[in-house]
Amino acid sequence: MATITIELTETQYKCLEYAAVSPQDWSENALYNRARRSKDDIIALLVEHCNENNIQIATGEDAQITQAFDLEVVKTAAARNAEAAEESTPE
């Protein structure tokens, strides 16, 4: 399991308290929801790839996410950014 830690200024925290009953709950919900949306996108891309290439799809969401990365159906944002930087660098 991964842990994400951030620091906010007093002002930023007060602003979040204005927007949400619990800034912690709001923050967790935002991250969980973004991860869920990415999971749905990744699985859809994997299913499409596997169907087009007659590849057996792994069982279970955790295994499917791993399979998508192993088959390079998807890459991390950092990897995509690095590739884009390499492509835009003149030779």
PDB file of N, CA and C in Angstrom:
ATOM      1  N   MET A   1       0.837  -1.166   0.000  1.00  0.00           N
ATOM      2  CA  MET A   1       0.000   0.000   0.000  1.00  0.00           C
ATOM      3  C   MET A   1       0.890   1.240   0.000  1.00  0.00           C
ATOM      4  N   ALA A   2       0.488   2.242  -0.755  1.00  0.00           N
ATOM      5  CA  ALA A   2       1.245   3.490  -0.849  1.00  0.00           C
ATOM      6  C   ALA A   2       0.644   4.548   0.071  1.00  0.00           C
ATOM      7  N   THR A   3       1.498   5.425   0.555  1.00  0.00           N
ATOM      8  CA  THR A   3       1.060   6.539   1.387  1.00  0.00           C
ATOM      9  C   THR A   3       1.427   7.837   0.691  1.00  0.00           C
ATOM     10  N   ILE A   4       0.463   8.739   0.594  1.00  0.00           N
ATOM     11  CA  ILE A   4       0.699  10.052   0.012  1.00  0.00           C
ATOM     12  C   ILE A   4       0.524  11.073   1.124  1.00  0.00           C
ATOM     13  N   THR A   5       1.525  11.917   1.309  1.00  0.00           N
ATOM     14  CA  THR A   5       1.487  12.932   2.354  1.00  0.00           C
ATOM     15  C   THR A   5       1.692  14.298   1.712  1.00  0.00           C
ATOM     16  N   ILE A   6       0.872  15.269   2.112  1.00  0.00           N
ATOM     17  CA  ILE A   6       1.047  16.629   1.619  1.00  0.00           C
ATOM     18  C   ILE A   6       1.000  17.597   2.794  1.00  0.00           C
ATOM     19  N   GLU A   7       1.546  18.770   2.587  1.00  0.00           N
ATOM     20  CA  GLU A   7       1.475  19.826   3.594  1.00  0.00           C
ATOM     21  C   GLU A   7       0.717  20.999   3.007  1.00  0.00           C
ATOM     22  N   LEU A   8      -0.152  21.590   3.814  1.00  0.00           N
ATOM     23  CA  LEU A   8      -0.904  22.767   3.422  1.00  0.00           C
ATOM     24  C   LEU A   8      -0.553  23.913   4.353  1.00  0.00           C
ATOM     25  N   THR A   9      -0.647  25.120   3.837  1.00  0.00           N
ATOM     26  CA  THR A   9      -0.500  26.269   4.720  1.00  0.00           C
ATOM     27  C   THR A   9      -1.762  26.371   5.575  1.00  0.00           C
ATOM     28  N   GLU A  10      -1.681  27.141   6.633  1.00  0.00           N
ATOM     29  CA  GLU A  10      -2.866  27.363   7.478  1.00  0.00           C
ATOM     30  C   GLU A  10      -4.010  27.919   6.634  1.00  0.00           C
ATOM     31  N   THR A  11      -3.683  28.848   5.743  1.00  0.00           N
ATOM     32  CA  THR A  11      -4.702  29.460   4.895  1.00  0.00           C
ATOM     33  C   THR A  11      -5.337  28.432   3.960  1.00  0.00           C
ATOM     34  N   GLN A  12      -4.527  27.595   3.348  1.00  0.00           N
ATOM     35  CA  GLN A  12      -5.067  26.561   2.467  1.00  0.00           C
ATOM     36  C   GLN A  12      -5.997  25.621   3.234  1.00  0.00           C
ATOM     37  N   TYR A  13      -5.589  25.250   4.434  1.00  0.00           N
ATOM     38  CA  TYR A  13      -6.425  24.354   5.241  1.00  0.00           C
ATOM     39  C   TYR A  13      -7.746  25.026   5.607  1.00  0.00           C
ATOM     40  N   LYS A  14      -7.695  26.294   5.998  1.00  0.00           N
ATOM     41  CA  LYS A  14      -8.918  27.030   6.324  1.00  0.00           C
ATOM     42  C   LYS A  14      -9.843  27.092   5.116  1.00  0.00           C
ATOM     43  N   CYS A  15      -9.266  27.284   3.956  1.00  0.00           N
ATOM     44  CA  CYS A  15     -10.077  27.311   2.734  1.00  0.00           C
ATOM     45  C   CYS A  15     -10.753  25.972   2.485  1.00  0.00           C
ATOM     46  N   LEU A  16     -10.039  24.884   2.737  1.00  0.00           N
ATOM     47  CA  LEU A  16     -10.650  23.556   2.597  1.00  0.00           C
ATOM     48  C   LEU A  16     -11.732  23.339   3.647  1.00  0.00           C
ATOM     49  N   GLU A  17     -11.516  23.850   4.841  1.00  0.00           N
ATOM     50  CA  GLU A  17     -12.552  23.730   5.872  1.00  0.00           C
ATOM     51  C   GLU A  17     -13.824  24.470   5.455  1.00  0.00           C
ATOM     52  N   TYR A  18     -13.678  25.527   4.704  1.00  0.00           N
ATOM     53  CA  TYR A  18     -14.837  26.244   4.173  1.00  0.00           C
ATOM     54  C   TYR A  18     -15.580  25.376   3.154  1.00  0.00           C
ATOM     55  N   ALA A  19     -14.823  24.634   2.357  1.00  0.00           N
ATOM     56  CA  ALA A  19     -15.404  23.849   1.263  1.00  0.00           C
ATOM     57  C   ALA A  19     -15.907  22.476   1.693  1.00  0.00           C
ATOM     58  N   ALA A  20     -15.382  21.944   2.781  1.00  0.00           N
ATOM     59  CA  ALA A  20     -15.719  20.563   3.163  1.00  0.00           C
ATOM     60  C   ALA A  20     -15.789  20.442   4.678  1.00  0.00           C
ATOM     61  N   VAL A  21     -16.685  19.582   5.137  1.00  0.00           N
ATOM     62  CA  VAL A  21     -16.788  19.332   6.576  1.00  0.00           C
ATOM     63  C   VAL A  21     -15.476  18.763   7.098  1.00  0.00           C
ATOM     64  N   SER A  22     -14.884  17.858   6.324  1.00  0.00           N
ATOM     65  CA  SER A  22     -13.613  17.248   6.717  1.00  0.00           C
ATOM     66  C   SER A  22     -12.639  17.332   5.547  1.00  0.00           C
ATOM     67  N   PRO A  23     -11.632  18.205   5.613  1.00  0.00           N
ATOM     68  CA  PRO A  23     -10.643  18.256   4.540  1.00  0.00           C
ATOM     69  C   PRO A  23      -9.969  16.904   4.283  1.00  0.00           C
ATOM     70  N   GLN A  24      -9.735  16.132   5.336  1.00  0.00           N
ATOM     71  CA  GLN A  24      -9.128  14.806   5.171  1.00  0.00           C
ATOM     72  C   GLN A  24     -10.036  13.900   4.342  1.00  0.00           C
ATOM     73  N   ASP A  25     -11.322  13.832   4.709  1.00  0.00           N
ATOM     74  CA  ASP A  25     -12.264  12.992   3.962  1.00  0.00           C
ATOM     75  C   ASP A  25     -12.386  13.462   2.521  1.00  0.00           C
ATOM     76  N   TRP A  26     -12.432  14.780   2.330  1.00  0.00           N
ATOM     77  CA  TRP A  26     -12.546  15.319   0.982  1.00  0.00           C
ATOM     78  C   TRP A  26     -11.327  14.917   0.154  1.00  0.00           C
ATOM     79  N   SER A  27     -10.146  15.050   0.734  1.00  0.00           N
ATOM     80  CA  SER A  27      -8.910  14.708   0.029  1.00  0.00           C
ATOM     81  C   SER A  27      -8.863  13.233  -0.331  1.00  0.00           C
ATOM     82  N   GLU A  28      -9.203  12.388   0.626  1.00  0.00           N
ATOM     83  CA  GLU A  28      -9.216  10.949   0.366  1.00  0.00           C
ATOM     84  C   GLU A  28     -10.204  10.610  -0.739  1.00  0.00           C
ATOM     85  N   ASN A  29     -11.392  11.196  -0.689  1.00  0.00           N
ATOM     86  CA  ASN A  29     -12.404  10.935  -1.703  1.00  0.00           C
ATOM     87  C   ASN A  29     -11.918  11.356  -3.081  1.00  0.00           C
ATOM     88  N   ALA A  30     -11.268  12.508  -3.160  1.00  0.00           N
ATOM     89  CA  ALA A  30     -10.755  12.974  -4.447  1.00  0.00           C
ATOM     90  C   ALA A  30      -9.743  11.983  -5.032  1.00  0.00           C
ATOM     91  N   LEU A  31      -8.831  11.505  -4.207  1.00  0.00           N
ATOM     92  CA  LEU A  31      -7.823  10.551  -4.684  1.00  0.00           C
ATOM     93  C   LEU A  31      -8.439   9.204  -5.042  1.00  0.00           C
ATOM     94  N   TYR A  32      -9.332   8.705  -4.186  1.00  0.00           N
ATOM     95  CA  TYR A  32      -9.975   7.416  -4.456  1.00  0.00           C
ATOM     96  C   TYR A  32     -10.780   7.479  -5.757  1.00  0.00           C
ATOM     97  N   ASN A  33     -11.495   8.579  -5.961  1.00  0.00           N
ATOM     98  CA  ASN A  33     -12.309   8.703  -7.160  1.00  0.00           C
ATOM     99  C   ASN A  33     -11.443   8.814  -8.406  1.00  0.00           C
ATOM    100  N   ARG A  34     -10.329   9.548  -8.323  1.00  0.00           N
ATOM    101  CA  ARG A  34      -9.438   9.665  -9.491  1.00  0.00           C
ATOM    102  C   ARG A  34      -8.812   8.318  -9.817  1.00  0.00           C
ATOM    103  N   ALA A  35      -8.422   7.585  -8.809  1.00  0.00           N
ATOM    104  CA  ALA A  35      -7.863   6.253  -9.031  1.00  0.00           C
ATOM    105  C   ALA A  35      -8.907   5.325  -9.656  1.00  0.00           C
ATOM    106  N   ARG A  36     -10.153   5.414  -9.198  1.00  0.00           N
ATOM    107  CA  ARG A  36     -11.223   4.576  -9.750  1.00  0.00           C
ATOM    108  C   ARG A  36     -11.451   4.891 -11.224  1.00  0.00           C
ATOM    109  N   ARG A  37     -11.454   6.180 -11.562  1.00  0.00           N
ATOM    110  CA  ARG A  37     -11.645   6.559 -12.956  1.00  0.00           C
ATOM    111  C   ARG A  37     -10.507   6.043 -13.834  1.00  0.00           C
ATOM    112  N   SER A  38      -9.284   6.133 -13.340  1.00  0.00           N
ATOM    113  CA  SER A  38      -8.137   5.604 -14.089  1.00  0.00           C
ATOM    114  C   SER A  38      -8.236   4.092 -14.235  1.00  0.00           C
ATOM    115  N   LYS A  39      -8.641   3.418 -13.163  1.00  0.00           N
ATOM    116  CA  LYS A  39      -8.808   1.960 -13.216  1.00  0.00           C
ATOM    117  C   LYS A  39      -9.796   1.576 -14.304  1.00  0.00           C
ATOM    118  N   ASP A  40     -10.930   2.269 -14.356  1.00  0.00           N
ATOM    119  CA  ASP A  40     -11.934   1.979 -15.376  1.00  0.00           C
ATOM    120  C   ASP A  40     -11.371   2.195 -16.781  1.00  0.00           C
ATOM    121  N   ASP A  41     -10.617   3.277 -16.973  1.00  0.00           N
ATOM    122  CA  ASP A  41     -10.003   3.548 -18.275  1.00  0.00           C
ATOM    123  C   ASP A  41      -8.998   2.463 -18.649  1.00  0.00           C
ATOM    124  N   ILE A  42      -8.149   2.095 -17.711  1.00  0.00           N
ATOM    125  CA  ILE A  42      -7.115   1.082 -17.976  1.00  0.00           C
ATOM    126  C   ILE A  42      -7.745  -0.246 -18.333  1.00  0.00           C
ATOM    127  N   ILE A  43      -8.751  -0.667 -17.584  1.00  0.00           N
ATOM    128  CA  ILE A  43      -9.392  -1.959 -17.865  1.00  0.00           C
ATOM    129  C   ILE A  43     -10.077  -1.932 -19.227  1.00  0.00           C
ATOM    130  N   ALA A  44     -10.714  -0.817 -19.573  1.00  0.00           N
ATOM    131  CA  ALA A  44     -11.349  -0.720 -20.892  1.00  0.00           C
ATOM    132  C   ALA A  44     -10.313  -0.840 -22.004  1.00  0.00           C
ATOM    133  N   LEU A  45      -9.175  -0.170 -21.847  1.00  0.00           N
ATOM    134  CA  LEU A  45      -8.106  -0.270 -22.845  1.00  0.00           C
ATOM    135  C   LEU A  45      -7.554  -1.693 -22.930  1.00  0.00           C
ATOM    136  N   LEU A  46      -7.406  -2.343 -21.788  1.00  0.00           N
ATOM    137  CA  LEU A  46      -6.906  -3.723 -21.767  1.00  0.00           C
ATOM    138  C   LEU A  46      -7.873  -4.663 -22.474  1.00  0.00           C
ATOM    139  N   VAL A  47      -9.151  -4.559 -22.167  1.00  0.00           N
ATOM    140  CA  VAL A  47     -10.155  -5.436 -22.785  1.00  0.00           C
ATOM    141  C   VAL A  47     -10.139  -5.260 -24.300  1.00  0.00           C
ATOM    142  N   GLU A  48     -10.092  -4.005 -24.743  1.00  0.00           N
ATOM    143  CA  GLU A  48     -10.044  -3.741 -26.183  1.00  0.00           C
ATOM    144  C   GLU A  48      -8.797  -4.365 -26.813  1.00  0.00           C
ATOM    145  N   HIS A  49      -7.642  -4.162 -26.179  1.00  0.00           N
ATOM    146  CA  HIS A  49      -6.382  -4.715 -26.692  1.00  0.00           C
ATOM    147  C   HIS A  49      -6.417  -6.244 -26.734  1.00  0.00           C
ATOM    148  N   CYS A  50      -6.868  -6.845 -25.652  1.00  0.00           N
ATOM    149  CA  CYS A  50      -6.891  -8.309 -25.582  1.00  0.00           C
ATOM    150  C   CYS A  50      -7.864  -8.895 -26.597  1.00  0.00           C
ATOM    151  N   ASN A  51      -9.017  -8.276 -26.767  1.00  0.00           N
ATOM    152  CA  ASN A  51      -9.983  -8.771 -27.751  1.00  0.00           C
ATOM    153  C   ASN A  51      -9.439  -8.655 -29.168  1.00  0.00           C
ATOM    154  N   GLU A  52      -8.763  -7.546 -29.467  1.00  0.00           N
ATOM    155  CA  GLU A  52      -8.206  -7.353 -30.809  1.00  0.00           C
ATOM    156  C   GLU A  52      -7.051  -8.307 -31.104  1.00  0.00           C
ATOM    157  N   ASN A  53      -6.360  -8.763 -30.055  1.00  0.00           N
ATOM    158  CA  ASN A  53      -5.169  -9.594 -30.243  1.00  0.00           C
ATOM    159  C   ASN A  53      -5.331 -11.013 -29.729  1.00  0.00           C
ATOM    160  N   ASN A  54      -6.565 -11.424 -29.442  1.00  0.00           N
ATOM    161  CA  ASN A  54      -6.857 -12.776 -28.952  1.00  0.00           C
ATOM    162  C   ASN A  54      -5.975 -13.163 -27.767  1.00  0.00           C
ATOM    163  N   ILE A  55      -5.903 -12.264 -26.786  1.00  0.00           N
ATOM    164  CA  ILE A  55      -5.121 -12.490 -25.573  1.00  0.00           C
ATOM    165  C   ILE A  55      -6.094 -12.724 -24.425  1.00  0.00           C
ATOM    166  N   GLN A  56      -5.828 -13.739 -23.630  1.00  0.00           N
ATOM    167  CA  GLN A  56      -6.675 -14.006 -22.477  1.00  0.00           C
ATOM    168  C   GLN A  56      -6.513 -12.898 -21.449  1.00  0.00           C
ATOM    169  N   ILE A  57      -7.639 -12.383 -20.959  1.00  0.00           N
ATOM    170  CA  ILE A  57      -7.634 -11.312 -19.975  1.00  0.00           C
ATOM    171  C   ILE A  57      -7.455 -11.908 -18.589  1.00  0.00           C
ATOM    172  N   ALA A  58      -6.599 -11.306 -17.816  1.00  0.00           N
ATOM    173  CA  ALA A  58      -6.354 -11.763 -16.444  1.00  0.00           C
ATOM    174  C   ALA A  58      -7.642 -11.661 -15.625  1.00  0.00           C
ATOM    175  N   THR A  59      -7.716 -12.466 -14.575  1.00  0.00           N
ATOM    176  CA  THR A  59      -8.897 -12.487 -13.713  1.00  0.00           C
ATOM    177  C   THR A  59      -8.693 -11.551 -12.523  1.00  0.00           C
ATOM    178  N   GLY A  60      -9.650 -10.659 -12.325  1.00  0.00           N
ATOM    179  CA  GLY A  60      -9.598  -9.735 -11.196  1.00  0.00           C
ATOM    180  C   GLY A  60      -8.991  -8.408 -11.597  1.00  0.00           C
ATOM    181  N   GLU A  61      -9.499  -7.338 -10.976  1.00  0.00           N
ATOM    182  CA  GLU A  61      -9.050  -5.998 -11.353  1.00  0.00           C
ATOM    183  C   GLU A  61      -7.574  -5.756 -11.090  1.00  0.00           C
ATOM    184  N   ASP A  62      -7.053  -6.214  -9.963  1.00  0.00           N
ATOM    185  CA  ASP A  62      -5.631  -6.019  -9.673  1.00  0.00           C
ATOM    186  C   ASP A  62      -4.773  -6.681 -10.751  1.00  0.00           C
ATOM    187  N   ALA A  63      -5.134  -7.905 -11.115  1.00  0.00           N
ATOM    188  CA  ALA A  63      -4.385  -8.630 -12.140  1.00  0.00           C
ATOM    189  C   ALA A  63      -4.533  -7.967 -13.506  1.00  0.00           C
ATOM    190  N   GLN A  64      -5.692  -7.409 -13.791  1.00  0.00           N
ATOM    191  CA  GLN A  64      -5.905  -6.746 -15.069  1.00  0.00           C
ATOM    192  C   GLN A  64      -5.090  -5.461 -15.182  1.00  0.00           C
ATOM    193  N   ILE A  65      -4.991  -4.714 -14.096  1.00  0.00           N
ATOM    194  CA  ILE A  65      -4.167  -3.506 -14.116  1.00  0.00           C
ATOM    195  C   ILE A  65      -2.705  -3.890 -14.339  1.00  0.00           C
ATOM    196  N   THR A  66      -2.243  -4.908 -13.640  1.00  0.00           N
ATOM    197  CA  THR A  66      -0.868  -5.386 -13.825  1.00  0.00           C
ATOM    198  C   THR A  66      -0.654  -5.840 -15.260  1.00  0.00           C
ATOM    199  N   GLN A  67      -1.615  -6.594 -15.807  1.00  0.00           N
ATOM    200  CA  GLN A  67      -1.499  -7.080 -17.181  1.00  0.00           C
ATOM    201  C   GLN A  67      -1.420  -5.915 -18.168  1.00  0.00           C
ATOM    202  N   ALA A  68      -2.212  -4.891 -17.960  1.00  0.00           N
ATOM    203  CA  ALA A  68      -2.201  -3.735 -18.861  1.00  0.00           C
ATOM    204  C   ALA A  68      -0.825  -3.075 -18.891  1.00  0.00           C
ATOM    205  N   PHE A  69      -0.193  -2.953 -17.726  1.00  0.00           N
ATOM    206  CA  PHE A  69       1.157  -2.380 -17.687  1.00  0.00           C
ATOM    207  C   PHE A  69       2.181  -3.349 -18.261  1.00  0.00           C
ATOM    208  N   ASP A  70       2.059  -4.640 -17.948  1.00  0.00           N
ATOM    209  CA  ASP A  70       3.005  -5.631 -18.470  1.00  0.00           C
ATOM    210  C   ASP A  70       2.975  -5.698 -19.999  1.00  0.00           C
ATOM    211  N   LEU A  71       1.772  -5.599 -20.575  1.00  0.00           N
ATOM    212  CA  LEU A  71       1.630  -5.647 -22.034  1.00  0.00           C
ATOM    213  C   LEU A  71       1.899  -4.287 -22.686  1.00  0.00           C
ATOM    214  N   GLU A  72       2.190  -3.296 -21.868  1.00  0.00           N
ATOM    215  CA  GLU A  72       2.418  -1.926 -22.313  1.00  0.00           C
ATOM    216  C   GLU A  72       1.223  -1.358 -23.073  1.00  0.00           C
ATOM    217  N   VAL A  73       0.035  -1.802 -22.664  1.00  0.00           N
ATOM    218  CA  VAL A  73      -1.189  -1.188 -23.164  1.00  0.00           C
ATOM    219  C   VAL A  73      -1.281   0.216 -22.591  1.00  0.00           C
ATOM    220  N   VAL A  74      -0.812   0.379 -21.372  1.00  0.00           N
ATOM    221  CA  VAL A  74      -0.743   1.679 -20.711  1.00  0.00           C
ATOM    222  C   VAL A  74       0.645   1.851 -20.106  1.00  0.00           C
ATOM    223  N   LYS A  75       1.003   3.112 -19.888  1.00  0.00           N
ATOM    224  CA  LYS A  75       2.272   3.450 -19.253  1.00  0.00           C
ATOM    225  C   LYS A  75       1.994   4.517 -18.208  1.00  0.00           C
ATOM    226  N   THR A  76       2.903   4.685 -17.284  1.00  0.00           N
ATOM    227  CA  THR A  76       2.739   5.736 -16.288  1.00  0.00           C
ATOM    228  C   THR A  76       2.806   7.101 -16.976  1.00  0.00           C
ATOM    229  N   ALA A  77       2.249   8.105 -16.328  1.00  0.00           N
ATOM    230  CA  ALA A  77       2.314   9.461 -16.861  1.00  0.00           C
ATOM    231  C   ALA A  77       3.764   9.915 -16.991  1.00  0.00           C
ATOM    232  N   ALA A  78       4.606   9.520 -16.036  1.00  0.00           N
ATOM    233  CA  ALA A  78       6.021   9.884 -16.093  1.00  0.00           C
ATOM    234  C   ALA A  78       6.685   9.290 -17.335  1.00  0.00           C
ATOM    235  N   ALA A  79       6.378   8.039 -17.638  1.00  0.00           N
ATOM    236  CA  ALA A  79       6.951   7.394 -18.823  1.00  0.00           C
ATOM    237  C   ALA A  79       6.446   8.061 -20.099  1.00  0.00           C
ATOM    238  N   ARG A  80       5.152   8.380 -20.148  1.00  0.00           N
ATOM    239  CA  ARG A  80       4.599   9.055 -21.327  1.00  0.00           C
ATOM    240  C   ARG A  80       5.234  10.434 -21.516  1.00  0.00           C
ATOM    241  N   ASN A  81       5.437  11.164 -20.423  1.00  0.00           N
ATOM    242  CA  ASN A  81       6.070  12.486 -20.507  1.00  0.00           C
ATOM    243  C   ASN A  81       7.513  12.381 -20.988  1.00  0.00           C
ATOM    244  N   ALA A  82       8.242  11.392 -20.490  1.00  0.00           N
ATOM    245  CA  ALA A  82       9.630  11.197 -20.910  1.00  0.00           C
ATOM    246  C   ALA A  82       9.700  10.870 -22.401  1.00  0.00           C
ATOM    247  N   GLU A  83       8.797  10.019 -22.870  1.00  0.00           N
ATOM    248  CA  GLU A  83       8.766   9.679 -24.293  1.00  0.00           C
ATOM    249  C   GLU A  83       8.446  10.907 -25.138  1.00  0.00           C
ATOM    250  N   ALA A  84       7.498  11.715 -24.677  1.00  0.00           N
ATOM    251  CA  ALA A  84       7.129  12.912 -25.416  1.00  0.00           C
ATOM    252  C   ALA A  84       8.304  13.888 -25.462  1.00  0.00           C
ATOM    253  N   ALA A  85       9.052  13.998 -24.387  1.00  0.00           N
ATOM    254  CA  ALA A  85      10.212  14.887 -24.346  1.00  0.00           C
ATOM    255  C   ALA A  85      11.287  14.414 -25.310  1.00  0.00           C
ATOM    256  N   GLU A  86      11.495  13.093 -25.374  1.00  0.00           N
ATOM    257  CA  GLU A  86      12.484  12.538 -26.292  1.00  0.00           C
ATOM    258  C   GLU A  86      12.080  12.802 -27.743  1.00  0.00           C
ATOM    259  N   GLU A  87      10.779  12.662 -28.029  1.00  0.00           N
ATOM    260  CA  GLU A  87      10.300  12.863 -29.383  1.00  0.00           C
ATOM    261  C   GLU A  87      10.408  14.320 -29.823  1.00  0.00           C
ATOM    262  N   SER A  88      10.283  15.247 -28.873  1.00  0.00           N
ATOM    263  CA  SER A  88      10.314  16.662 -29.229  1.00  0.00           C
ATOM    264  C   SER A  88      11.719  17.259 -29.196  1.00  0.00           C
ATOM    265  N   THR A  89      12.721  16.480 -28.755  1.00  0.00           N
ATOM    266  CA  THR A  89      14.093  16.957 -28.715  1.00  0.00           C
ATOM    267  C   THR A  89      14.722  16.810 -30.081  1.00  0.00           C
ATOM    268  N   PRO A  90      15.206  17.922 -30.647  1.00  0.00           N
ATOM    269  CA  PRO A  90      15.846  17.833 -31.971  1.00  0.00           C
ATOM    270  C   PRO A  90      17.164  17.064 -31.889  1.00  0.00           C
ATOM    271  N   GLU A  91      17.444  16.374 -32.968  1.00  0.00           N
ATOM    272  CA  GLU A  91      18.677  15.558 -33.006  1.00  0.00           C
ATOM    273  C   GLU A  91      19.854  16.351 -33.443  1.00  0.00           C
TER     274      GLU A  91
END
